[in-house]
């Protein structure tokens, strides 16, 4: 039986890379995002590679009705999930003590509270899996290290790490494995590091040499491979409740 995965926020960046990795490994995939064209392009491309292997729904999952719509859509099409990768969030925002209450609250909602809400809506689909299943949250090394991110973003990712560990303990009795992956500085096509590299190659290389011990910035594939290996059990089925940093050594400098 072909295994099924949902990757939220999977029309670009890290989420898209994770989705493509699962598909390459012969999983059926569910795409979500807010861009109709991007979602359809990815769906058509993957189905051309392997027929009827990709479904998708355009949805802003910060909206309860859309989160429920996604649950109903997957339940009607597949009836279950073997893995969910929660990949929604943003570190964009102002930094420092003068950041407004409203701005902080929006970041906390986006990076933590909305993810918890989506988790509650979608969990029954994993519980329907006969194989126990796996849940992966995408966090950030900002949860525990100063990488000059807005502090509401850092606190939100810290809360998400704690939430993941509590859920790992609770769901382990049902053979559902929960872990959280915390990326460091990752180069994505539409991300901040690609823009900064375009602005000044020299300053970009200086940042990398000073902040990443391995001497090169991370790629989407670095995250996708770890997510897949943790989720699929190809690494081990004995991994639960772990917070894993993928950062080229940035966190050991802090």
C-alpha atoms as a PDB file:
ATOM      1  CA  UNK A   1       0.000   0.000   0.000  1.00  0.00           C
ATOM      2  CA  UNK A   2       1.431   3.364  -1.045  1.00  0.00           C
ATOM      3  CA  UNK A   3       2.140   5.656   1.877  1.00  0.00           C
ATOM      4  CA  UNK A   4       0.544   9.095   2.063  1.00  0.00           C
ATOM      5  CA  UNK A   5       2.048  12.366   3.287  1.00  0.00           C
ATOM      6  CA  UNK A   6       0.724  15.888   3.751  1.00  0.00           C
ATOM      7  CA  UNK A   7       3.272  18.708   3.722  1.00  0.00           C
ATOM      8  CA  UNK A   8       1.764  22.054   4.675  1.00  0.00           C
ATOM      9  CA  UNK A   9       3.193  25.134   3.022  1.00  0.00           C
ATOM     10  CA  UNK A  10       4.573  23.002   0.208  1.00  0.00           C
ATOM     11  CA  UNK A  11       4.387  25.239  -2.861  1.00  0.00           C
ATOM     12  CA  UNK A  12       7.800  26.829  -2.254  1.00  0.00           C
ATOM     13  CA  UNK A  13      10.992  26.747  -0.232  1.00  0.00           C
ATOM     14  CA  UNK A  14      11.696  24.067   2.346  1.00  0.00           C
ATOM     15  CA  UNK A  15       8.164  22.686   2.171  1.00  0.00           C
ATOM     16  CA  UNK A  16       8.379  22.134  -1.581  1.00  0.00           C
ATOM     17  CA  UNK A  17      11.733  20.403  -1.207  1.00  0.00           C
ATOM     18  CA  UNK A  18      10.333  18.073   1.455  1.00  0.00           C
ATOM     19  CA  UNK A  19       7.302  17.283  -0.703  1.00  0.00           C
ATOM     20  CA  UNK A  20       9.482  16.426  -3.703  1.00  0.00           C
ATOM     21  CA  UNK A  21      11.724  14.202  -1.584  1.00  0.00           C
ATOM     22  CA  UNK A  22       8.764  12.109  -0.408  1.00  0.00           C
ATOM     23  CA  UNK A  23       7.476  11.872  -3.956  1.00  0.00           C
ATOM     24  CA  UNK A  24      10.885  10.728  -5.220  1.00  0.00           C
ATOM     25  CA  UNK A  25      10.734   7.995  -2.583  1.00  0.00           C
ATOM     26  CA  UNK A  26       7.402   6.780  -4.053  1.00  0.00           C
ATOM     27  CA  UNK A  27       5.029   8.295  -1.502  1.00  0.00           C
ATOM     28  CA  UNK A  28       1.756   9.875  -2.576  1.00  0.00           C
ATOM     29  CA  UNK A  29       1.753  13.544  -1.607  1.00  0.00           C
ATOM     30  CA  UNK A  30      -0.766  16.236  -0.719  1.00  0.00           C
ATOM     31  CA  UNK A  31       0.250  19.794  -1.595  1.00  0.00           C
ATOM     32  CA  UNK A  32      -1.074  22.862   0.230  1.00  0.00           C
ATOM     33  CA  UNK A  33      -0.423  26.557  -0.133  1.00  0.00           C
ATOM     34  CA  UNK A  34      -2.118  29.826  -0.927  1.00  0.00           C
ATOM     35  CA  UNK A  35      -0.968  30.112  -4.544  1.00  0.00           C
ATOM     36  CA  UNK A  36      -3.324  28.330  -6.926  1.00  0.00           C
ATOM     37  CA  UNK A  37      -0.976  28.380  -9.932  1.00  0.00           C
ATOM     38  CA  UNK A  38       2.038  27.162  -7.964  1.00  0.00           C
ATOM     39  CA  UNK A  39       0.013  24.331  -6.442  1.00  0.00           C
ATOM     40  CA  UNK A  40      -1.396  23.225  -9.799  1.00  0.00           C
ATOM     41  CA  UNK A  41       2.001  23.396 -11.506  1.00  0.00           C
ATOM     42  CA  UNK A  42       3.568  21.166  -8.844  1.00  0.00           C
ATOM     43  CA  UNK A  43       0.619  18.762  -8.882  1.00  0.00           C
ATOM     44  CA  UNK A  44       0.670  18.412 -12.668  1.00  0.00           C
ATOM     45  CA  UNK A  45       4.432  17.911 -12.750  1.00  0.00           C
ATOM     46  CA  UNK A  46       4.380  15.192 -10.090  1.00  0.00           C
ATOM     47  CA  UNK A  47       1.434  13.412 -11.676  1.00  0.00           C
ATOM     48  CA  UNK A  48       3.261  13.444 -15.007  1.00  0.00           C
ATOM     49  CA  UNK A  49       6.151  11.675 -13.301  1.00  0.00           C
ATOM     50  CA  UNK A  50       3.887   9.162 -11.562  1.00  0.00           C
ATOM     51  CA  UNK A  51       0.174   9.095 -12.289  1.00  0.00           C
ATOM     52  CA  UNK A  52      -2.345   9.921  -9.555  1.00  0.00           C
ATOM     53  CA  UNK A  53       0.429  10.389  -7.005  1.00  0.00           C
ATOM     54  CA  UNK A  54      -0.281  14.011  -6.030  1.00  0.00           C
ATOM     55  CA  UNK A  55      -3.376  15.786  -4.806  1.00  0.00           C
ATOM     56  CA  UNK A  56      -3.601  19.378  -3.666  1.00  0.00           C
ATOM     57  CA  UNK A  57      -5.782  22.041  -2.103  1.00  0.00           C
ATOM     58  CA  UNK A  58      -5.333  25.799  -2.052  1.00  0.00           C
ATOM     59  CA  UNK A  59      -5.936  26.841   1.536  1.00  0.00           C
ATOM     60  CA  UNK A  60      -4.905  29.428   4.096  1.00  0.00           C
ATOM     61  CA  UNK A  61      -4.619  27.050   7.041  1.00  0.00           C
ATOM     62  CA  UNK A  62      -4.689  29.936   9.513  1.00  0.00           C
ATOM     63  CA  UNK A  63      -8.439  29.862   8.845  1.00  0.00           C
ATOM     64  CA  UNK A  64     -10.375  27.212  10.796  1.00  0.00           C
ATOM     65  CA  UNK A  65     -12.819  26.563   7.976  1.00  0.00           C
ATOM     66  CA  UNK A  66      -9.936  25.964   5.548  1.00  0.00           C
ATOM     67  CA  UNK A  67      -8.171  23.631   7.986  1.00  0.00           C
ATOM     68  CA  UNK A  68     -11.388  21.637   8.291  1.00  0.00           C
ATOM     69  CA  UNK A  69     -11.810  21.704   4.504  1.00  0.00           C
ATOM     70  CA  UNK A  70      -8.331  20.210   4.133  1.00  0.00           C
ATOM     71  CA  UNK A  71      -9.203  17.462   6.619  1.00  0.00           C
ATOM     72  CA  UNK A  72     -12.372  16.618   4.701  1.00  0.00           C
ATOM     73  CA  UNK A  73     -10.544  16.709   1.356  1.00  0.00           C
ATOM     74  CA  UNK A  74      -7.835  14.254   2.455  1.00  0.00           C
ATOM     75  CA  UNK A  75     -10.317  12.047   4.276  1.00  0.00           C
ATOM     76  CA  UNK A  76     -12.490  11.737   1.163  1.00  0.00           C
ATOM     77  CA  UNK A  77      -9.536  11.099  -1.172  1.00  0.00           C
ATOM     78  CA  UNK A  78      -7.324   8.882   0.986  1.00  0.00           C
ATOM     79  CA  UNK A  79      -9.038   8.229   4.320  1.00  0.00           C
ATOM     80  CA  UNK A  80      -5.738   8.415   6.188  1.00  0.00           C
ATOM     81  CA  UNK A  81      -2.229   9.860   6.364  1.00  0.00           C
ATOM     82  CA  UNK A  82       0.997   8.063   7.215  1.00  0.00           C
ATOM     83  CA  UNK A  83       2.874  11.308   7.810  1.00  0.00           C
ATOM     84  CA  UNK A  84       2.177  15.000   8.331  1.00  0.00           C
ATOM     85  CA  UNK A  85       4.905  17.603   8.005  1.00  0.00           C
ATOM     86  CA  UNK A  86       3.835  20.888   9.612  1.00  0.00           C
ATOM     87  CA  UNK A  87       5.757  23.553   7.735  1.00  0.00           C
ATOM     88  CA  UNK A  88       4.056  26.901   8.217  1.00  0.00           C
ATOM     89  CA  UNK A  89       5.622  30.028   9.624  1.00  0.00           C
ATOM     90  CA  UNK A  90       7.571  33.176   8.972  1.00  0.00           C
ATOM     91  CA  UNK A  91      10.451  34.997  10.621  1.00  0.00           C
ATOM     92  CA  UNK A  92       9.677  38.231   8.818  1.00  0.00           C
ATOM     93  CA  UNK A  93       9.042  41.129  11.168  1.00  0.00           C
ATOM     94  CA  UNK A  94      10.566  43.897  13.217  1.00  0.00           C
ATOM     95  CA  UNK A  95      13.118  43.169  15.920  1.00  0.00           C
ATOM     96  CA  UNK A  96      13.677  44.609  19.360  1.00  0.00           C
ATOM     97  CA  UNK A  97      11.736  45.821  22.356  1.00  0.00           C
ATOM     98  CA  UNK A  98       9.912  48.507  20.363  1.00  0.00           C
ATOM     99  CA  UNK A  99       8.053  45.914  18.283  1.00  0.00           C
ATOM    100  CA  UNK A 100       4.328  46.477  18.744  1.00  0.00           C
ATOM    101  CA  UNK A 101       2.111  44.107  20.695  1.00  0.00           C
ATOM    102  CA  UNK A 102       0.058  43.483  17.551  1.00  0.00           C
ATOM    103  CA  UNK A 103       3.136  42.503  15.518  1.00  0.00           C
ATOM    104  CA  UNK A 104       4.337  40.125  18.226  1.00  0.00           C
ATOM    105  CA  UNK A 105       0.901  38.548  18.512  1.00  0.00           C
ATOM    106  CA  UNK A 106       0.701  37.963  14.752  1.00  0.00           C
ATOM    107  CA  UNK A 107       4.058  36.166  14.739  1.00  0.00           C
ATOM    108  CA  UNK A 108       3.035  34.016  17.709  1.00  0.00           C
ATOM    109  CA  UNK A 109      -0.238  33.123  16.008  1.00  0.00           C
ATOM    110  CA  UNK A 110       1.435  32.290  12.708  1.00  0.00           C
ATOM    111  CA  UNK A 111       4.362  30.289  14.049  1.00  0.00           C
ATOM    112  CA  UNK A 112       2.765  28.506  17.006  1.00  0.00           C
ATOM    113  CA  UNK A 113      -0.943  28.896  17.711  1.00  0.00           C
ATOM    114  CA  UNK A 114      -2.088  28.243  14.138  1.00  0.00           C
ATOM    115  CA  UNK A 115       0.152  25.176  13.899  1.00  0.00           C
ATOM    116  CA  UNK A 116      -1.371  23.780  17.091  1.00  0.00           C
ATOM    117  CA  UNK A 117      -4.824  24.389  15.654  1.00  0.00           C
ATOM    118  CA  UNK A 118      -3.957  22.620  12.399  1.00  0.00           C
ATOM    119  CA  UNK A 119      -2.531  19.727  14.408  1.00  0.00           C
ATOM    120  CA  UNK A 120      -5.858  19.270  16.199  1.00  0.00           C
ATOM    121  CA  UNK A 121      -7.825  19.258  12.935  1.00  0.00           C
ATOM    122  CA  UNK A 122      -5.524  16.848  11.085  1.00  0.00           C
ATOM    123  CA  UNK A 123      -4.438  14.405  13.808  1.00  0.00           C
ATOM    124  CA  UNK A 124      -7.358  11.977  13.223  1.00  0.00           C
ATOM    125  CA  UNK A 125      -5.974  11.263   9.746  1.00  0.00           C
ATOM    126  CA  UNK A 126      -2.739   9.967  11.271  1.00  0.00           C
ATOM    127  CA  UNK A 127      -4.674   8.008  13.873  1.00  0.00           C
ATOM    128  CA  UNK A 128      -6.420   6.215  10.963  1.00  0.00           C
ATOM    129  CA  UNK A 129      -3.067   4.932   9.683  1.00  0.00           C
ATOM    130  CA  UNK A 130      -2.416   1.246  10.305  1.00  0.00           C
ATOM    131  CA  UNK A 131       1.323   1.815  10.598  1.00  0.00           C
ATOM    132  CA  UNK A 132       1.302   4.197  13.555  1.00  0.00           C
ATOM    133  CA  UNK A 133       2.495   7.102  11.468  1.00  0.00           C
ATOM    134  CA  UNK A 134       4.844  10.029  11.907  1.00  0.00           C
ATOM    135  CA  UNK A 135       4.486  13.742  12.579  1.00  0.00           C
ATOM    136  CA  UNK A 136       7.287  16.190  11.850  1.00  0.00           C
ATOM    137  CA  UNK A 137       7.241  19.833  12.874  1.00  0.00           C
ATOM    138  CA  UNK A 138       9.564  22.321  11.181  1.00  0.00           C
ATOM    139  CA  UNK A 139      10.999  24.674  13.790  1.00  0.00           C
ATOM    140  CA  UNK A 140      14.142  26.798  13.771  1.00  0.00           C
ATOM    141  CA  UNK A 141      17.444  26.987  15.629  1.00  0.00           C
ATOM    142  CA  UNK A 142      16.156  30.428  16.670  1.00  0.00           C
ATOM    143  CA  UNK A 143      14.187  28.607  19.372  1.00  0.00           C
ATOM    144  CA  UNK A 144      17.349  28.254  21.431  1.00  0.00           C
ATOM    145  CA  UNK A 145      20.005  30.463  19.828  1.00  0.00           C
ATOM    146  CA  UNK A 146      20.334  34.128  18.961  1.00  0.00           C
ATOM    147  CA  UNK A 147      20.272  34.349  15.177  1.00  0.00           C
ATOM    148  CA  UNK A 148      18.915  37.913  15.183  1.00  0.00           C
ATOM    149  CA  UNK A 149      15.362  36.855  14.475  1.00  0.00           C
ATOM    150  CA  UNK A 150      12.349  38.739  15.866  1.00  0.00           C
ATOM    151  CA  UNK A 151      11.998  37.577  19.458  1.00  0.00           C
ATOM    152  CA  UNK A 152       8.315  36.670  18.995  1.00  0.00           C
ATOM    153  CA  UNK A 153       9.432  34.290  16.255  1.00  0.00           C
ATOM    154  CA  UNK A 154      12.071  32.755  18.525  1.00  0.00           C
ATOM    155  CA  UNK A 155       9.618  32.348  21.420  1.00  0.00           C
ATOM    156  CA  UNK A 156       7.063  30.794  19.069  1.00  0.00           C
ATOM    157  CA  UNK A 157       9.557  28.228  17.816  1.00  0.00           C
ATOM    158  CA  UNK A 158      10.560  27.495  21.403  1.00  0.00           C
ATOM    159  CA  UNK A 159       6.916  26.854  22.257  1.00  0.00           C
ATOM    160  CA  UNK A 160       6.605  24.612  19.198  1.00  0.00           C
ATOM    161  CA  UNK A 161       9.603  22.543  20.324  1.00  0.00           C
ATOM    162  CA  UNK A 162       8.018  22.036  23.742  1.00  0.00           C
ATOM    163  CA  UNK A 163       4.639  21.219  22.190  1.00  0.00           C
ATOM    164  CA  UNK A 164       6.232  18.620  19.899  1.00  0.00           C
ATOM    165  CA  UNK A 165       7.865  16.842  22.829  1.00  0.00           C
ATOM    166  CA  UNK A 166       4.633  16.723  24.832  1.00  0.00           C
ATOM    167  CA  UNK A 167       2.769  15.304  21.832  1.00  0.00           C
ATOM    168  CA  UNK A 168       5.530  12.744  21.244  1.00  0.00           C
ATOM    169  CA  UNK A 169       5.015  11.433  24.760  1.00  0.00           C
ATOM    170  CA  UNK A 170       1.226  11.427  24.464  1.00  0.00           C
ATOM    171  CA  UNK A 171       1.065   9.762  21.044  1.00  0.00           C
ATOM    172  CA  UNK A 172       3.842   7.222  21.517  1.00  0.00           C
ATOM    173  CA  UNK A 173       1.346   4.794  23.043  1.00  0.00           C
ATOM    174  CA  UNK A 174      -0.364   4.741  19.627  1.00  0.00           C
ATOM    175  CA  UNK A 175       2.955   4.127  17.841  1.00  0.00           C
ATOM    176  CA  UNK A 176       2.859   7.645  16.372  1.00  0.00           C
ATOM    177  CA  UNK A 177       6.349   9.140  16.251  1.00  0.00           C
ATOM    178  CA  UNK A 178       6.631  12.916  16.715  1.00  0.00           C
ATOM    179  CA  UNK A 179       9.859  14.860  16.165  1.00  0.00           C
ATOM    180  CA  UNK A 180      10.864  18.423  15.309  1.00  0.00           C
ATOM    181  CA  UNK A 181      13.510  19.540  12.832  1.00  0.00           C
ATOM    182  CA  UNK A 182      15.161  22.920  13.450  1.00  0.00           C
ATOM    183  CA  UNK A 183      16.841  24.334  10.339  1.00  0.00           C
ATOM    184  CA  UNK A 184      19.598  26.909  10.514  1.00  0.00           C
ATOM    185  CA  UNK A 185      20.435  29.246   7.642  1.00  0.00           C
ATOM    186  CA  UNK A 186      19.001  27.662   4.486  1.00  0.00           C
ATOM    187  CA  UNK A 187      19.222  28.983   0.943  1.00  0.00           C
ATOM    188  CA  UNK A 188      15.861  28.919  -0.823  1.00  0.00           C
ATOM    189  CA  UNK A 189      14.901  30.326  -4.186  1.00  0.00           C
ATOM    190  CA  UNK A 190      12.533  32.909  -2.719  1.00  0.00           C
ATOM    191  CA  UNK A 191      14.180  33.338   0.681  1.00  0.00           C
ATOM    192  CA  UNK A 192      16.108  36.059   2.453  1.00  0.00           C
ATOM    193  CA  UNK A 193      19.533  34.478   1.908  1.00  0.00           C
ATOM    194  CA  UNK A 194      19.067  34.325  -1.837  1.00  0.00           C
ATOM    195  CA  UNK A 195      18.163  38.029  -1.809  1.00  0.00           C
ATOM    196  CA  UNK A 196      21.151  38.928   0.355  1.00  0.00           C
ATOM    197  CA  UNK A 197      23.460  36.923  -1.858  1.00  0.00           C
ATOM    198  CA  UNK A 198      22.146  38.871  -4.830  1.00  0.00           C
ATOM    199  CA  UNK A 199      22.641  42.183  -3.035  1.00  0.00           C
ATOM    200  CA  UNK A 200      26.262  41.502  -2.088  1.00  0.00           C
ATOM    201  CA  UNK A 201      28.144  38.293  -2.715  1.00  0.00           C
ATOM    202  CA  UNK A 202      31.011  39.555  -0.551  1.00  0.00           C
ATOM    203  CA  UNK A 203      28.860  40.280   2.514  1.00  0.00           C
ATOM    204  CA  UNK A 204      27.014  37.005   2.026  1.00  0.00           C
ATOM    205  CA  UNK A 205      30.250  34.997   1.998  1.00  0.00           C
ATOM    206  CA  UNK A 206      31.511  36.921   5.029  1.00  0.00           C
ATOM    207  CA  UNK A 207      28.372  36.031   6.977  1.00  0.00           C
ATOM    208  CA  UNK A 208      28.681  32.365   6.042  1.00  0.00           C
ATOM    209  CA  UNK A 209      32.362  32.188   7.044  1.00  0.00           C
ATOM    210  CA  UNK A 210      31.672  33.844  10.409  1.00  0.00           C
ATOM    211  CA  UNK A 211      28.451  32.024  11.338  1.00  0.00           C
ATOM    212  CA  UNK A 212      28.501  28.551   9.768  1.00  0.00           C
ATOM    213  CA  UNK A 213      31.464  26.363  10.802  1.00  0.00           C
ATOM    214  CA  UNK A 214      31.092  24.044   7.796  1.00  0.00           C
ATOM    215  CA  UNK A 215      31.696  27.040   5.563  1.00  0.00           C
ATOM    216  CA  UNK A 216      28.654  26.745   3.316  1.00  0.00           C
ATOM    217  CA  UNK A 217      25.023  27.686   3.666  1.00  0.00           C
ATOM    218  CA  UNK A 218      22.448  24.915   3.925  1.00  0.00           C
ATOM    219  CA  UNK A 219      20.363  23.690   1.007  1.00  0.00           C
ATOM    220  CA  UNK A 220      16.705  22.680   0.985  1.00  0.00           C
ATOM    221  CA  UNK A 221      17.798  19.110   0.246  1.00  0.00           C
ATOM    222  CA  UNK A 222      19.696  18.988   3.554  1.00  0.00           C
ATOM    223  CA  UNK A 223      16.428  19.482   5.429  1.00  0.00           C
ATOM    224  CA  UNK A 224      14.334  17.290   3.121  1.00  0.00           C
ATOM    225  CA  UNK A 225      16.608  14.269   3.535  1.00  0.00           C
ATOM    226  CA  UNK A 226      16.519  14.425   7.325  1.00  0.00           C
ATOM    227  CA  UNK A 227      12.747  14.941   7.422  1.00  0.00           C
ATOM    228  CA  UNK A 228      12.168  11.957   5.152  1.00  0.00           C
ATOM    229  CA  UNK A 229      14.535   9.666   7.036  1.00  0.00           C
ATOM    230  CA  UNK A 230      12.939  10.558  10.373  1.00  0.00           C
ATOM    231  CA  UNK A 231       9.394  10.282   9.075  1.00  0.00           C
ATOM    232  CA  UNK A 232       9.736   7.110   7.039  1.00  0.00           C
ATOM    233  CA  UNK A 233      11.598   5.115   9.669  1.00  0.00           C
ATOM    234  CA  UNK A 234      14.455   4.477   7.236  1.00  0.00           C
ATOM    235  CA  UNK A 235      16.749   6.014   9.854  1.00  0.00           C
ATOM    236  CA  UNK A 236      15.110   4.195  12.769  1.00  0.00           C
ATOM    237  CA  UNK A 237      11.631   3.606  14.178  1.00  0.00           C
ATOM    238  CA  UNK A 238      13.029   4.287  17.636  1.00  0.00           C
ATOM    239  CA  UNK A 239      13.260   8.076  17.285  1.00  0.00           C
ATOM    240  CA  UNK A 240      10.591  10.082  19.103  1.00  0.00           C
ATOM    241  CA  UNK A 241      10.401  13.419  20.855  1.00  0.00           C
ATOM    242  CA  UNK A 242      13.685  14.668  19.451  1.00  0.00           C
ATOM    243  CA  UNK A 243      14.638  18.219  18.543  1.00  0.00           C
ATOM    244  CA  UNK A 244      17.147  17.967  15.698  1.00  0.00           C
ATOM    245  CA  UNK A 245      19.199  20.963  14.516  1.00  0.00           C
ATOM    246  CA  UNK A 246      20.338  21.009  10.880  1.00  0.00           C
ATOM    247  CA  UNK A 247      22.567  24.065  10.736  1.00  0.00           C
ATOM    248  CA  UNK A 248      26.127  23.316   9.613  1.00  0.00           C
ATOM    249  CA  UNK A 249      27.324  23.933  13.152  1.00  0.00           C
ATOM    250  CA  UNK A 250      25.818  27.400  13.715  1.00  0.00           C
ATOM    251  CA  UNK A 251      24.273  26.399  17.030  1.00  0.00           C
ATOM    252  CA  UNK A 252      27.591  25.265  18.517  1.00  0.00           C
ATOM    253  CA  UNK A 253      28.948  28.783  18.053  1.00  0.00           C
ATOM    254  CA  UNK A 254      26.194  30.353  20.130  1.00  0.00           C
END
